[in-house]
Protein backbone atom coordinates (compact mmCIF):
# COMPACT_ATOMS: atom_id res chain seq x y z
CA UNK A 1 -0.53 -0.12 0.00
CA UNK A 2 0.85 3.54 -0.71
CA UNK A 3 0.68 7.00 1.54
CA UNK A 4 0.27 10.36 -0.28
CA UNK A 5 0.79 13.22 2.29
CA UNK A 6 -0.49 16.65 1.26
CA UNK A 7 -0.07 20.34 3.02
CA UNK A 8 -2.58 22.17 1.93
CA UNK A 9 -2.11 25.99 2.40
CA UNK A 10 0.15 27.23 -0.90
CA UNK A 11 0.53 22.84 -2.08
CA UNK A 12 -3.62 22.27 -1.92
CA UNK A 13 -4.61 25.58 -2.33
CA UNK A 14 -3.20 28.98 -4.18
CA UNK A 15 -3.60 31.13 -0.78
CA UNK A 16 -3.10 30.61 2.66
CA UNK A 17 -6.66 30.04 4.28
CA UNK A 18 -5.94 31.24 7.19
CA UNK A 19 -5.77 34.83 6.29
CA UNK A 20 -9.39 33.99 4.53
CA UNK A 21 -10.86 32.81 7.36
CA UNK A 22 -9.94 36.04 9.10
CA UNK A 23 -10.79 38.48 6.54
CA UNK A 24 -14.30 36.31 5.87
CA UNK A 25 -15.59 36.60 9.46
CA UNK A 26 -14.24 40.11 10.06
CA UNK A 27 -13.94 41.43 7.42
CA UNK A 28 -11.11 43.49 5.06
CA UNK A 29 -10.71 47.11 7.61
CA UNK A 30 -11.23 44.71 11.04
CA UNK A 31 -8.35 41.95 9.12
CA UNK A 32 -5.99 45.16 9.00
CA UNK A 33 -6.22 46.66 12.50
CA UNK A 34 -6.08 43.32 14.08
CA UNK A 35 -2.81 42.17 11.99
CA UNK A 36 -1.61 45.38 13.02
CA UNK A 37 -1.78 45.54 16.35
CA UNK A 38 0.40 41.91 15.68
CA UNK A 39 2.95 43.32 13.37
CA UNK A 40 5.94 43.23 15.60
CA UNK A 41 5.04 39.39 15.89
CA UNK A 42 4.89 38.91 13.03
CA UNK A 43 8.44 40.56 12.21
CA UNK A 44 9.76 38.71 14.83
CA UNK A 45 8.80 35.40 13.60
CA UNK A 46 9.56 36.05 10.19
CA UNK A 47 13.44 37.30 11.46
CA UNK A 48 13.11 34.18 13.33
CA UNK A 49 13.14 35.78 16.70
CA UNK A 50 9.87 34.03 18.30
CA UNK A 51 8.58 30.37 16.69
CA UNK A 52 6.32 30.35 14.19
CA UNK A 53 3.43 28.84 16.74
CA UNK A 54 3.49 32.12 19.10
CA UNK A 55 2.36 34.47 16.83
CA UNK A 56 0.24 32.38 15.08
CA UNK A 57 -1.73 31.91 18.45
CA UNK A 58 -1.30 35.87 18.85
CA UNK A 59 -3.09 36.38 15.95
CA UNK A 60 -5.63 33.66 16.63
CA UNK A 61 -5.93 35.41 20.39
CA UNK A 62 -6.54 38.59 18.45
CA UNK A 63 -9.30 37.51 16.26
CA UNK A 64 -11.43 34.92 18.42
CA UNK A 65 -10.69 34.94 22.00
CA UNK A 66 -13.81 34.65 23.99
CA UNK A 67 -16.30 33.68 20.83
CA UNK A 68 -18.74 30.58 21.39
CA UNK A 69 -17.15 27.57 20.10
CA UNK A 70 -20.18 26.74 18.41
CA UNK A 71 -20.45 29.58 16.53
CA UNK A 72 -17.08 29.77 15.64
CA UNK A 73 -17.15 26.20 14.23
CA UNK A 74 -20.72 27.06 12.10
CA UNK A 75 -18.61 29.67 10.67
CA UNK A 76 -15.75 27.32 9.81
CA UNK A 77 -18.35 24.77 8.09
CA UNK A 78 -19.91 27.71 5.95
CA UNK A 79 -16.43 28.99 5.20
CA UNK A 80 -15.25 25.65 3.91
CA UNK A 81 -18.38 25.06 2.29
CA UNK A 82 -18.79 28.57 0.33
CA UNK A 83 -15.08 29.34 -0.09
CA UNK A 84 -12.69 27.32 1.03
CA UNK A 85 -12.94 25.95 -2.86
CA UNK A 86 -12.79 28.72 -4.66
CA UNK A 87 -8.92 28.26 -3.47
CA UNK A 88 -7.64 25.22 -4.34
CA UNK A 89 -5.63 24.18 -7.61
CA UNK A 90 -7.62 22.11 -10.08
CA UNK A 91 -3.93 20.82 -10.23
CA UNK A 92 -3.73 19.37 -6.36
CA UNK A 93 -7.37 17.91 -6.68
CA UNK A 94 -6.12 16.27 -9.80
CA UNK A 95 -3.01 14.53 -7.90
CA UNK A 96 -5.47 13.45 -4.57
CA UNK A 97 -8.01 11.99 -7.28
CA UNK A 98 -4.73 10.24 -9.23
CA UNK A 99 -3.62 8.57 -5.93
CA UNK A 100 -7.50 7.88 -4.69
CA UNK A 101 -8.16 5.74 -8.28
CA UNK A 102 -4.64 4.06 -6.63
CA UNK A 103 -6.38 2.85 -3.52
CA UNK A 104 -3.54 4.69 -1.96
CA UNK A 105 -3.80 6.17 1.49
CA UNK A 106 -4.32 10.06 1.43
CA UNK A 107 -3.83 12.42 4.35
CA UNK A 108 -3.70 16.10 4.51
CA UNK A 109 -1.24 17.50 6.67
CA UNK A 110 -2.02 21.16 7.65
CA UNK A 111 -1.04 23.54 10.03
CA UNK A 112 -4.09 25.67 9.33
CA UNK A 113 -6.86 24.97 12.59
CA UNK A 114 -9.82 22.27 11.93
CA UNK A 115 -12.06 24.71 12.66
CA UNK A 116 -12.39 24.51 8.93
CA UNK A 117 -10.19 21.85 7.94
CA UNK A 118 -12.51 19.74 9.49
CA UNK A 119 -15.90 20.08 6.95
CA UNK A 120 -13.44 20.20 4.39
CA UNK A 121 -11.51 16.94 4.56
CA UNK A 122 -14.71 15.59 5.13
CA UNK A 123 -16.94 16.57 2.51
CA UNK A 124 -13.58 15.33 0.24
CA UNK A 125 -13.60 12.18 1.75
CA UNK A 126 -10.10 12.95 3.11
CA UNK A 127 -8.23 11.89 6.29
CA UNK A 128 -6.45 14.72 8.05
CA UNK A 129 -3.87 16.05 10.73
CA UNK A 130 -4.28 19.97 11.89
CA UNK A 131 -3.49 22.56 14.20
CA UNK A 132 -6.48 22.42 16.37
CA UNK A 133 -8.14 25.49 18.37
CA UNK A 134 -8.59 25.52 22.20
CA UNK A 135 -11.35 26.01 23.92
CA UNK A 136 -13.18 26.01 27.73
CA UNK A 137 -16.58 25.64 28.98
CA UNK A 138 -17.92 26.25 25.00
CA UNK A 139 -15.38 29.64 24.78
CA UNK A 140 -12.48 30.10 22.57
CA UNK A 141 -9.70 30.32 24.72
CA UNK A 142 -7.27 32.38 22.04
CA UNK A 143 -4.97 29.28 22.53
CA UNK A 144 -3.95 26.35 20.65
CA UNK A 145 -5.42 23.07 21.85
CA UNK A 146 -2.74 21.25 19.90
CA UNK A 147 0.92 22.17 18.95
CA UNK A 148 0.87 23.69 15.92
CA UNK A 149 1.20 21.35 13.20
CA UNK A 150 4.07 22.69 11.47
CA UNK A 151 7.69 21.75 10.31
CA UNK A 152 8.66 18.79 12.50
CA UNK A 153 5.22 18.38 14.53
CA UNK A 154 3.50 17.94 11.00
CA UNK A 155 5.78 14.46 11.27
CA UNK A 156 5.14 13.47 14.75
CA UNK A 157 1.35 13.75 14.22
CA UNK A 158 1.78 11.05 11.06
CA UNK A 159 4.05 9.03 13.47
CA UNK A 160 1.14 8.67 15.96
CA UNK A 161 -1.73 8.06 12.96
CA UNK A 162 -0.15 5.65 11.33
CA UNK A 163 3.33 3.38 10.83
CA UNK A 164 5.08 4.91 7.98
CA UNK A 165 7.36 1.65 7.51
CA UNK A 166 3.93 -0.09 6.70
CA UNK A 167 3.67 1.47 3.60
CA UNK A 168 6.03 0.40 0.15
CA UNK A 169 5.94 4.06 -1.16
CA UNK A 170 5.42 7.32 0.39
CA UNK A 171 4.42 10.53 -1.25
CA UNK A 172 4.81 14.21 0.21
CA UNK A 173 3.85 17.89 -1.41
CA UNK A 174 4.22 20.57 0.28
CA UNK A 175 5.54 24.13 -0.71
CA UNK A 176 7.63 25.83 2.41
CA UNK A 177 9.69 25.12 5.32
CA UNK A 178 7.52 24.08 7.05
CA UNK A 179 7.11 21.02 5.23
CA UNK A 180 10.71 20.14 5.06
CA UNK A 181 10.72 17.41 7.75
CA UNK A 182 7.49 16.02 5.66
CA UNK A 183 9.43 15.99 2.28
CA UNK A 184 12.21 14.19 4.00
CA UNK A 185 10.08 10.65 5.20
CA UNK A 186 9.10 10.55 1.65
CA UNK A 187 10.04 8.34 -0.59
CA UNK A 188 8.79 10.67 -3.70
CA UNK A 189 8.97 13.95 -1.94
CA UNK A 190 7.16 17.22 -4.58
CA UNK A 191 8.35 20.62 -3.92
CA UNK A 192 5.70 23.23 -5.36
CA UNK A 193 4.44 20.67 -8.25
CA UNK A 194 1.28 22.16 -8.31
CA UNK A 195 0.37 25.14 -10.63
C-alpha cells in the first residue's frame, strides 16, 4: 500500500486559508486593524526571533478569544462549504484523485485549524491532521489546543496516526519550510509541484 501526504496552504490552495478565514469572519478593515496590532510579532517571526506558533497564537487570540466555540465552528463550516474550493488548485485535486484511484491512503497534513479543515476534508473524503483551537466551557480561549502542525510536528503527528514503515511508497507534497521534515520522510517528495 502507498501513502500520499499533502500540505494544504500553498500546496493544495493558491493562498493561505487562515488569512482568508480571518477576512471572512471580520471583514477586510477589521482584519487590517487586528493584523497591525500583531505586526511586531509577525516581523519577529520572520526574523526567527520567536517561533511560528507564538505569532500564530497571538493572531488567533486577537481575532477569536472569547468567541462561542459553536459559533466559530459554524463559521468554519460555512467557510469550508462556500469559500475554500475557490482557493483550491485544480492540479492538486487531480493529483489527490489520482492517488485515490490507485487505492493510496491520502492524508492532508496542515498547520491550518480544525475549524474549517474538518468540514473541507470530510466533504472530500480525506483524512487530515491539523492544528486545533482550544476551548473551555464552550468558549474559545485563544490558545492552540494542540501543537502547531508545522515542521517537525507534522512528522510527529503522522507517526502518531500511522507507521510509515507499513507503506511501500510514501509520496509527500509541500511548498514551504514548514513541510521540509514531511518531505524528508517520503520516498517521492514533491516541492511546489502544483500550479
